[in-house]
Amino acid sequence: MGCELWAESNVFKRLFGVTGNCAACSKLIPAFEMVMRAKENVYHLDCFACQLCNQRFCVGDKFFLKNNMILCQTDYEEGLMKEGYAPQVR
């Protein structure tokens, strides 16, 4: 029985992160809810938006994770310009 609890705990951590809370709003994410992931961070679908302009992402949109913040491409590139870096265009 102890092994089953350990296995369930690891599955929960893998799916929802260590706390089981949304990285944007810090509220609990229920086990049945669909989520978005960015590295170790887990988000409610409604919380997965640019944290500067609140733009929601559509399938195929680029997003960036900088200083643990989700950013749209425009805000990410503007931030790079302010820091003195030009984004590379390929």
PDB file of N, CA and C in Angstrom:
ATOM      1  N   MET A   1       0.825  -1.189   0.000  1.00  0.00           N
ATOM      2  CA  MET A   1       0.000   0.000   0.000  1.00  0.00           C
ATOM      3  C   MET A   1       0.869   1.252   0.000  1.00  0.00           C
ATOM      4  N   GLY A   2       1.980   1.250   0.730  1.00  0.00           N
ATOM      5  CA  GLY A   2       2.861   2.410   0.745  1.00  0.00           C
ATOM      6  C   GLY A   2       3.405   2.736  -0.629  1.00  0.00           C
ATOM      7  N   CYS A   3       3.702   1.710  -1.423  1.00  0.00           N
ATOM      8  CA  CYS A   3       4.204   1.926  -2.784  1.00  0.00           C
ATOM      9  C   CYS A   3       3.148   2.572  -3.650  1.00  0.00           C
ATOM     10  N   GLU A   4       1.892   2.192  -3.481  1.00  0.00           N
ATOM     11  CA  GLU A   4       0.821   2.800  -4.267  1.00  0.00           C
ATOM     12  C   GLU A   4       0.682   4.278  -3.941  1.00  0.00           C
ATOM     13  N   LEU A   5       0.749   4.630  -2.674  1.00  0.00           N
ATOM     14  CA  LEU A   5       0.660   6.039  -2.293  1.00  0.00           C
ATOM     15  C   LEU A   5       1.826   6.822  -2.875  1.00  0.00           C
ATOM     16  N   TRP A   6       3.006   6.236  -2.833  1.00  0.00           N
ATOM     17  CA  TRP A   6       4.185   6.907  -3.373  1.00  0.00           C
ATOM     18  C   TRP A   6       4.022   7.123  -4.870  1.00  0.00           C
ATOM     19  N   ALA A   7       3.542   6.086  -5.569  1.00  0.00           N
ATOM     20  CA  ALA A   7       3.362   6.191  -7.013  1.00  0.00           C
ATOM     21  C   ALA A   7       2.318   7.252  -7.346  1.00  0.00           C
ATOM     22  N   GLU A   8       1.205   7.295  -6.626  1.00  0.00           N
ATOM     23  CA  GLU A   8       0.183   8.304  -6.872  1.00  0.00           C
ATOM     24  C   GLU A   8       0.726   9.698  -6.602  1.00  0.00           C
ATOM     25  N   SER A   9       1.535   9.827  -5.572  1.00  0.00           N
ATOM     26  CA  SER A   9       2.129  11.115  -5.245  1.00  0.00           C
ATOM     27  C   SER A   9       3.043  11.584  -6.375  1.00  0.00           C
ATOM     28  N   ASN A  10       3.850  10.681  -6.931  1.00  0.00           N
ATOM     29  CA  ASN A  10       4.742  11.052  -8.026  1.00  0.00           C
ATOM     30  C   ASN A  10       3.968  11.429  -9.276  1.00  0.00           C
ATOM     31  N   VAL A  11       2.883  10.734  -9.565  1.00  0.00           N
ATOM     32  CA  VAL A  11       2.054  11.081 -10.720  1.00  0.00           C
ATOM     33  C   VAL A  11       1.470  12.473 -10.527  1.00  0.00           C
ATOM     34  N   PHE A  12       0.969  12.758  -9.340  1.00  0.00           N
ATOM     35  CA  PHE A  12       0.407  14.082  -9.059  1.00  0.00           C
ATOM     36  C   PHE A  12       1.471  15.156  -9.238  1.00  0.00           C
ATOM     37  N   LYS A  13       2.661  14.927  -8.697  1.00  0.00           N
ATOM     38  CA  LYS A  13       3.735  15.916  -8.823  1.00  0.00           C
ATOM     39  C   LYS A  13       4.119  16.121 -10.282  1.00  0.00           C
ATOM     40  N   ARG A  14       4.168  15.039 -11.051  1.00  0.00           N
ATOM     41  CA  ARG A  14       4.549  15.153 -12.452  1.00  0.00           C
ATOM     42  C   ARG A  14       3.492  15.933 -13.235  1.00  0.00           C
ATOM     43  N   LEU A  15       2.225  15.721 -12.922  1.00  0.00           N
ATOM     44  CA  LEU A  15       1.154  16.385 -13.648  1.00  0.00           C
ATOM     45  C   LEU A  15       0.923  17.817 -13.190  1.00  0.00           C
ATOM     46  N   PHE A  16       0.978  18.051 -11.889  1.00  0.00           N
ATOM     47  CA  PHE A  16       0.583  19.355 -11.355  1.00  0.00           C
ATOM     48  C   PHE A  16       1.704  20.122 -10.677  1.00  0.00           C
ATOM     49  N   GLY A  17       2.911  19.619 -10.659  1.00  0.00           N
ATOM     50  CA  GLY A  17       3.993  20.291  -9.962  1.00  0.00           C
ATOM     51  C   GLY A  17       3.970  19.929  -8.497  1.00  0.00           C
ATOM     52  N   VAL A  18       4.861  20.502  -7.753  1.00  0.00           N
ATOM     53  CA  VAL A  18       5.022  20.122  -6.350  1.00  0.00           C
ATOM     54  C   VAL A  18       3.821  20.538  -5.509  1.00  0.00           C
ATOM     55  N   THR A  19       3.275  21.717  -5.730  1.00  0.00           N
ATOM     56  CA  THR A  19       2.210  22.211  -4.859  1.00  0.00           C
ATOM     57  C   THR A  19       0.814  21.889  -5.370  1.00  0.00           C
ATOM     58  N   GLY A  20       0.661  21.643  -6.669  1.00  0.00           N
ATOM     59  CA  GLY A  20      -0.662  21.449  -7.229  1.00  0.00           C
ATOM     60  C   GLY A  20      -1.401  22.755  -7.429  1.00  0.00           C
ATOM     61  N   ASN A  21      -0.665  23.867  -7.406  1.00  0.00           N
ATOM     62  CA  ASN A  21      -1.258  25.193  -7.566  1.00  0.00           C
ATOM     63  C   ASN A  21      -0.846  25.806  -8.891  1.00  0.00           C
ATOM     64  N   CYS A  22      -1.688  26.667  -9.408  1.00  0.00           N
ATOM     65  CA  CYS A  22      -1.411  27.400 -10.634  1.00  0.00           C
ATOM     66  C   CYS A  22      -0.259  28.380 -10.400  1.00  0.00           C
ATOM     67  N   ALA A  23       0.695  28.405 -11.332  1.00  0.00           N
ATOM     68  CA  ALA A  23       1.852  29.297 -11.195  1.00  0.00           C
ATOM     69  C   ALA A  23       1.474  30.770 -11.351  1.00  0.00           C
ATOM     70  N   ALA A  24       0.331  31.062 -11.982  1.00  0.00           N
ATOM     71  CA  ALA A  24      -0.079  32.456 -12.184  1.00  0.00           C
ATOM     72  C   ALA A  24      -0.940  32.980 -11.041  1.00  0.00           C
ATOM     73  N   CYS A  25      -1.981  32.220 -10.654  1.00  0.00           N
ATOM     74  CA  CYS A  25      -2.925  32.723  -9.646  1.00  0.00           C
ATOM     75  C   CYS A  25      -2.739  32.077  -8.270  1.00  0.00           C
ATOM     76  N   SER A  26      -1.913  31.056  -8.193  1.00  0.00           N
ATOM     77  CA  SER A  26      -1.614  30.331  -6.943  1.00  0.00           C
ATOM     78  C   SER A  26      -2.791  29.538  -6.379  1.00  0.00           C
ATOM     79  N   LYS A  27      -3.900  29.469  -7.120  1.00  0.00           N
ATOM     80  CA  LYS A  27      -5.044  28.690  -6.641  1.00  0.00           C
ATOM     81  C   LYS A  27      -4.844  27.215  -6.987  1.00  0.00           C
ATOM     82  N   LEU A  28      -5.484  26.348  -6.210  1.00  0.00           N
ATOM     83  CA  LEU A  28      -5.381  24.912  -6.408  1.00  0.00           C
ATOM     84  C   LEU A  28      -5.924  24.505  -7.772  1.00  0.00           C
ATOM     85  N   ILE A  29      -5.256  23.563  -8.409  1.00  0.00           N
ATOM     86  CA  ILE A  29      -5.720  23.011  -9.671  1.00  0.00           C
ATOM     87  C   ILE A  29      -6.322  21.638  -9.377  1.00  0.00           C
ATOM     88  N   PRO A  30      -7.628  21.477  -9.578  1.00  0.00           N
ATOM     89  CA  PRO A  30      -8.250  20.170  -9.343  1.00  0.00           C
ATOM     90  C   PRO A  30      -7.665  19.109 -10.273  1.00  0.00           C
ATOM     91  N   ALA A  31      -7.634  17.879  -9.810  1.00  0.00           N
ATOM     92  CA  ALA A  31      -7.020  16.792 -10.568  1.00  0.00           C
ATOM     93  C   ALA A  31      -7.706  16.554 -11.905  1.00  0.00           C
ATOM     94  N   PHE A  32      -8.985  16.883 -12.039  1.00  0.00           N
ATOM     95  CA  PHE A  32      -9.731  16.616 -13.268  1.00  0.00           C
ATOM     96  C   PHE A  32      -9.602  17.740 -14.292  1.00  0.00           C
ATOM     97  N   GLU A  33      -8.989  18.857 -13.926  1.00  0.00           N
ATOM     98  CA  GLU A  33      -8.944  20.034 -14.789  1.00  0.00           C
ATOM     99  C   GLU A  33      -7.815  19.958 -15.806  1.00  0.00           C
ATOM    100  N   MET A  34      -8.082  20.403 -17.028  1.00  0.00           N
ATOM    101  CA  MET A  34      -7.053  20.499 -18.063  1.00  0.00           C
ATOM    102  C   MET A  34      -6.104  21.634 -17.687  1.00  0.00           C
ATOM    103  N   VAL A  35      -4.827  21.464 -17.995  1.00  0.00           N
ATOM    104  CA  VAL A  35      -3.825  22.451 -17.621  1.00  0.00           C
ATOM    105  C   VAL A  35      -2.899  22.738 -18.787  1.00  0.00           C
ATOM    106  N   MET A  36      -2.138  23.813 -18.662  1.00  0.00           N
ATOM    107  CA  MET A  36      -1.045  24.134 -19.575  1.00  0.00           C
ATOM    108  C   MET A  36       0.233  24.079 -18.762  1.00  0.00           C
ATOM    109  N   ARG A  37       1.310  23.659 -19.400  1.00  0.00           N
ATOM    110  CA  ARG A  37       2.607  23.561 -18.729  1.00  0.00           C
ATOM    111  C   ARG A  37       3.645  24.407 -19.465  1.00  0.00           C
ATOM    112  N   ALA A  38       4.553  25.001 -18.708  1.00  0.00           N
ATOM    113  CA  ALA A  38       5.733  25.669 -19.250  1.00  0.00           C
ATOM    114  C   ALA A  38       6.870  25.346 -18.284  1.00  0.00           C
ATOM    115  N   LYS A  39       7.747  24.456 -18.715  1.00  0.00           N
ATOM    116  CA  LYS A  39       8.804  23.902 -17.866  1.00  0.00           C
ATOM    117  C   LYS A  39       8.177  23.276 -16.634  1.00  0.00           C
ATOM    118  N   GLU A  40       8.575  23.686 -15.435  1.00  0.00           N
ATOM    119  CA  GLU A  40       8.021  23.098 -14.211  1.00  0.00           C
ATOM    120  C   GLU A  40       6.697  23.725 -13.809  1.00  0.00           C
ATOM    121  N   ASN A  41       6.320  24.809 -14.452  1.00  0.00           N
ATOM    122  CA  ASN A  41       5.117  25.547 -14.075  1.00  0.00           C
ATOM    123  C   ASN A  41       3.869  24.937 -14.697  1.00  0.00           C
ATOM    124  N   VAL A  42       2.788  24.938 -13.922  1.00  0.00           N
ATOM    125  CA  VAL A  42       1.496  24.431 -14.372  1.00  0.00           C
ATOM    126  C   VAL A  42       0.471  25.548 -14.188  1.00  0.00           C
ATOM    127  N   TYR A  43      -0.438  25.694 -15.174  1.00  0.00           N
ATOM    128  CA  TYR A  43      -1.396  26.805 -15.176  1.00  0.00           C
ATOM    129  C   TYR A  43      -2.804  26.315 -15.473  1.00  0.00           C
ATOM    130  N   HIS A  44      -3.794  26.974 -14.888  1.00  0.00           N
ATOM    131  CA  HIS A  44      -5.173  26.810 -15.351  1.00  0.00           C
ATOM    132  C   HIS A  44      -5.198  27.283 -16.802  1.00  0.00           C
ATOM    133  N   LEU A  45      -6.089  26.753 -17.607  1.00  0.00           N
ATOM    134  CA  LEU A  45      -6.189  27.210 -18.991  1.00  0.00           C
ATOM    135  C   LEU A  45      -6.482  28.702 -19.063  1.00  0.00           C
ATOM    136  N   ASP A  46      -7.345  29.203 -18.175  1.00  0.00           N
ATOM    137  CA  ASP A  46      -7.690  30.632 -18.178  1.00  0.00           C
ATOM    138  C   ASP A  46      -6.536  31.520 -17.721  1.00  0.00           C
ATOM    139  N   CYS A  47      -5.599  30.969 -16.985  1.00  0.00           N
ATOM    140  CA  CYS A  47      -4.463  31.750 -16.472  1.00  0.00           C
ATOM    141  C   CYS A  47      -3.278  31.756 -17.426  1.00  0.00           C
ATOM    142  N   PHE A  48      -3.321  30.904 -18.454  1.00  0.00           N
ATOM    143  CA  PHE A  48      -2.204  30.799 -19.377  1.00  0.00           C
ATOM    144  C   PHE A  48      -2.319  31.906 -20.416  1.00  0.00           C
ATOM    145  N   ALA A  49      -1.791  33.084 -20.061  1.00  0.00           N
ATOM    146  CA  ALA A  49      -1.847  34.273 -20.900  1.00  0.00           C
ATOM    147  C   ALA A  49      -0.616  35.119 -20.603  1.00  0.00           C
ATOM    148  N   CYS A  50      -0.319  36.055 -21.487  1.00  0.00           N
ATOM    149  CA  CYS A  50       0.811  36.961 -21.258  1.00  0.00           C
ATOM    150  C   CYS A  50       0.572  37.700 -19.948  1.00  0.00           C
ATOM    151  N   GLN A  51       1.564  37.698 -19.091  1.00  0.00           N
ATOM    152  CA  GLN A  51       1.392  38.313 -17.785  1.00  0.00           C
ATOM    153  C   GLN A  51       1.614  39.820 -17.801  1.00  0.00           C
ATOM    154  N   LEU A  52       1.930  40.387 -18.975  1.00  0.00           N
ATOM    155  CA  LEU A  52       2.029  41.841 -19.092  1.00  0.00           C
ATOM    156  C   LEU A  52       0.795  42.439 -19.759  1.00  0.00           C
ATOM    157  N   CYS A  53       0.349  41.844 -20.866  1.00  0.00           N
ATOM    158  CA  CYS A  53      -0.784  42.428 -21.602  1.00  0.00           C
ATOM    159  C   CYS A  53      -2.047  41.567 -21.536  1.00  0.00           C
ATOM    160  N   ASN A  54      -1.976  40.418 -20.881  1.00  0.00           N
ATOM    161  CA  ASN A  54      -3.106  39.491 -20.722  1.00  0.00           C
ATOM    162  C   ASN A  54      -3.599  38.871 -22.026  1.00  0.00           C
ATOM    163  N   GLN A  55      -2.787  38.910 -23.081  1.00  0.00           N
ATOM    164  CA  GLN A  55      -3.172  38.278 -24.343  1.00  0.00           C
ATOM    165  C   GLN A  55      -3.264  36.772 -24.134  1.00  0.00           C
ATOM    166  N   ARG A  56      -4.392  36.193 -24.538  1.00  0.00           N
ATOM    167  CA  ARG A  56      -4.572  34.737 -24.485  1.00  0.00           C
ATOM    168  C   ARG A  56      -3.884  34.127 -25.690  1.00  0.00           C
ATOM    169  N   PHE A  57      -3.377  32.939 -25.528  1.00  0.00           N
ATOM    170  CA  PHE A  57      -2.683  32.258 -26.608  1.00  0.00           C
ATOM    171  C   PHE A  57      -3.615  31.290 -27.327  1.00  0.00           C
ATOM    172  N   CYS A  58      -3.459  31.214 -28.647  1.00  0.00           N
ATOM    173  CA  CYS A  58      -4.179  30.247 -29.464  1.00  0.00           C
ATOM    174  C   CYS A  58      -3.219  29.126 -29.833  1.00  0.00           C
ATOM    175  N   VAL A  59      -3.765  28.036 -30.309  1.00  0.00           N
ATOM    176  CA  VAL A  59      -2.928  26.923 -30.746  1.00  0.00           C
ATOM    177  C   VAL A  59      -1.936  27.420 -31.785  1.00  0.00           C
ATOM    178  N   GLY A  60      -0.670  27.132 -31.584  1.00  0.00           N
ATOM    179  CA  GLY A  60       0.381  27.530 -32.520  1.00  0.00           C
ATOM    180  C   GLY A  60       1.044  28.853 -32.186  1.00  0.00           C
ATOM    181  N   ASP A  61       0.487  29.642 -31.269  1.00  0.00           N
ATOM    182  CA  ASP A  61       1.109  30.905 -30.880  1.00  0.00           C
ATOM    183  C   ASP A  61       2.401  30.640 -30.118  1.00  0.00           C
ATOM    184  N   LYS A  62       3.379  31.509 -30.322  1.00  0.00           N
ATOM    185  CA  LYS A  62       4.614  31.428 -29.559  1.00  0.00           C
ATOM    186  C   LYS A  62       4.414  32.118 -28.220  1.00  0.00           C
ATOM    187  N   PHE A  63       4.991  31.548 -27.180  1.00  0.00           N
ATOM    188  CA  PHE A  63       5.050  32.227 -25.898  1.00  0.00           C
ATOM    189  C   PHE A  63       6.459  32.053 -25.362  1.00  0.00           C
ATOM    190  N   PHE A  64       6.826  32.898 -24.434  1.00  0.00           N
ATOM    191  CA  PHE A  64       8.167  32.883 -23.872  1.00  0.00           C
ATOM    192  C   PHE A  64       8.065  32.867 -22.359  1.00  0.00           C
ATOM    193  N   LEU A  65       8.990  32.192 -21.721  1.00  0.00           N
ATOM    194  CA  LEU A  65       9.061  32.146 -20.268  1.00  0.00           C
ATOM    195  C   LEU A  65      10.331  32.869 -19.864  1.00  0.00           C
ATOM    196  N   LYS A  66      10.176  34.062 -19.300  1.00  0.00           N
ATOM    197  CA  LYS A  66      11.331  34.866 -18.874  1.00  0.00           C
ATOM    198  C   LYS A  66      11.135  35.271 -17.423  1.00  0.00           C
ATOM    199  N   ASN A  67      12.119  34.964 -16.606  1.00  0.00           N
ATOM    200  CA  ASN A  67      12.035  35.234 -15.165  1.00  0.00           C
ATOM    201  C   ASN A  67      10.747  34.660 -14.591  1.00  0.00           C
ATOM    202  N   ASN A  68      10.406  33.460 -15.066  1.00  0.00           N
ATOM    203  CA  ASN A  68       9.236  32.723 -14.591  1.00  0.00           C
ATOM    204  C   ASN A  68       7.912  33.424 -14.919  1.00  0.00           C
ATOM    205  N   MET A  69       7.924  34.296 -15.928  1.00  0.00           N
ATOM    206  CA  MET A  69       6.713  34.965 -16.395  1.00  0.00           C
ATOM    207  C   MET A  69       6.411  34.513 -17.815  1.00  0.00           C
ATOM    208  N   ILE A  70       5.139  34.253 -18.103  1.00  0.00           N
ATOM    209  CA  ILE A  70       4.723  33.933 -19.462  1.00  0.00           C
ATOM    210  C   ILE A  70       4.554  35.245 -20.216  1.00  0.00           C
ATOM    211  N   LEU A  71       5.181  35.330 -21.381  1.00  0.00           N
ATOM    212  CA  LEU A  71       5.101  36.545 -22.189  1.00  0.00           C
ATOM    213  C   LEU A  71       4.724  36.207 -23.620  1.00  0.00           C
ATOM    214  N   CYS A  72       3.960  37.096 -24.245  1.00  0.00           N
ATOM    215  CA  CYS A  72       3.689  36.965 -25.671  1.00  0.00           C
ATOM    216  C   CYS A  72       4.945  37.405 -26.423  1.00  0.00           C
ATOM    217  N   GLN A  73       4.987  37.127 -27.705  1.00  0.00           N
ATOM    218  CA  GLN A  73       6.170  37.450 -28.493  1.00  0.00           C
ATOM    219  C   GLN A  73       6.447  38.951 -28.502  1.00  0.00           C
ATOM    220  N   THR A  74       5.407  39.765 -28.614  1.00  0.00           N
ATOM    221  CA  THR A  74       5.582  41.217 -28.653  1.00  0.00           C
ATOM    222  C   THR A  74       6.212  41.738 -27.364  1.00  0.00           C
ATOM    223  N   ASP A  75       5.667  41.340 -26.207  1.00  0.00           N
ATOM    224  CA  ASP A  75       6.211  41.823 -24.932  1.00  0.00           C
ATOM    225  C   ASP A  75       7.605  41.282 -24.674  1.00  0.00           C
ATOM    226  N   TYR A  76       7.860  40.044 -25.098  1.00  0.00           N
ATOM    227  CA  TYR A  76       9.193  39.470 -24.941  1.00  0.00           C
ATOM    228  C   TYR A  76      10.211  40.266 -25.748  1.00  0.00           C
ATOM    229  N   GLU A  77       9.891  40.543 -27.014  1.00  0.00           N
ATOM    230  CA  GLU A  77      10.818  41.277 -27.873  1.00  0.00           C
ATOM    231  C   GLU A  77      10.998  42.713 -27.406  1.00  0.00           C
ATOM    232  N   GLU A  78       9.930  43.352 -26.914  1.00  0.00           N
ATOM    233  CA  GLU A  78      10.056  44.711 -26.380  1.00  0.00           C
ATOM    234  C   GLU A  78      10.966  44.722 -25.157  1.00  0.00           C
ATOM    235  N   GLY A  79      10.845  43.693 -24.321  1.00  0.00           N
ATOM    236  CA  GLY A  79      11.718  43.584 -23.162  1.00  0.00           C
ATOM    237  C   GLY A  79      13.164  43.403 -23.554  1.00  0.00           C
ATOM    238  N   LEU A  80      13.415  42.628 -24.591  1.00  0.00           N
ATOM    239  CA  LEU A  80      14.781  42.443 -25.066  1.00  0.00           C
ATOM    240  C   LEU A  80      15.352  43.753 -25.587  1.00  0.00           C
ATOM    241  N   MET A  81      14.527  44.522 -26.298  1.00  0.00           N
ATOM    242  CA  MET A  81      14.983  45.803 -26.842  1.00  0.00           C
ATOM    243  C   MET A  81      15.346  46.759 -25.703  1.00  0.00           C
ATOM    244  N   LYS A  82      14.543  46.758 -24.642  1.00  0.00           N
ATOM    245  CA  LYS A  82      14.829  47.627 -23.495  1.00  0.00           C
ATOM    246  C   LYS A  82      16.120  47.215 -22.801  1.00  0.00           C
ATOM    247  N   GLU A  83      16.418  45.913 -22.827  1.00  0.00           N
ATOM    248  CA  GLU A  83      17.638  45.413 -22.201  1.00  0.00           C
ATOM    249  C   GLU A  83      18.852  45.574 -23.109  1.00  0.00           C
ATOM    250  N   GLY A  84      18.621  46.030 -24.345  1.00  0.00           N
ATOM    251  CA  GLY A  84      19.725  46.240 -25.269  1.00  0.00           C
ATOM    252  C   GLY A  84      20.038  45.033 -26.139  1.00  0.00           C
ATOM    253  N   TYR A  85      19.151  44.081 -26.204  1.00  0.00           N
ATOM    254  CA  TYR A  85      19.335  42.902 -27.042  1.00  0.00           C
ATOM    255  C   TYR A  85      18.337  42.949 -28.182  1.00  0.00           C
ATOM    256  N   ALA A  86      18.776  42.583 -29.349  1.00  0.00           N
ATOM    257  CA  ALA A  86      17.858  42.478 -30.488  1.00  0.00           C
ATOM    258  C   ALA A  86      17.517  41.006 -30.678  1.00  0.00           C
ATOM    259  N   PRO A  87      16.231  40.680 -30.791  1.00  0.00           N
ATOM    260  CA  PRO A  87      15.881  39.283 -31.030  1.00  0.00           C
ATOM    261  C   PRO A  87      16.388  38.818 -32.385  1.00  0.00           C
ATOM    262  N   GLN A  88      16.789  37.575 -32.452  1.00  0.00           N
ATOM    263  CA  GLN A  88      17.274  37.024 -33.715  1.00  0.00           C
ATOM    264  C   GLN A  88      16.095  36.580 -34.560  1.00  0.00           C
ATOM    265  N   VAL A  89      16.054  37.034 -35.781  1.00  0.00           N
ATOM    266  CA  VAL A  89      15.012  36.627 -36.712  1.00  0.00           C
ATOM    267  C   VAL A  89      15.639  35.660 -37.685  1.00  0.00           C
ATOM    268  N   ARG A  90      14.997  34.509 -37.865  1.00  0.00           N
ATOM    269  CA  ARG A  90      15.535  33.503 -38.785  1.00  0.00           C
ATOM    270  C   ARG A  90      14.604  33.281 -39.928  1.00  0.00           C
TER     271      ARG A  90
END
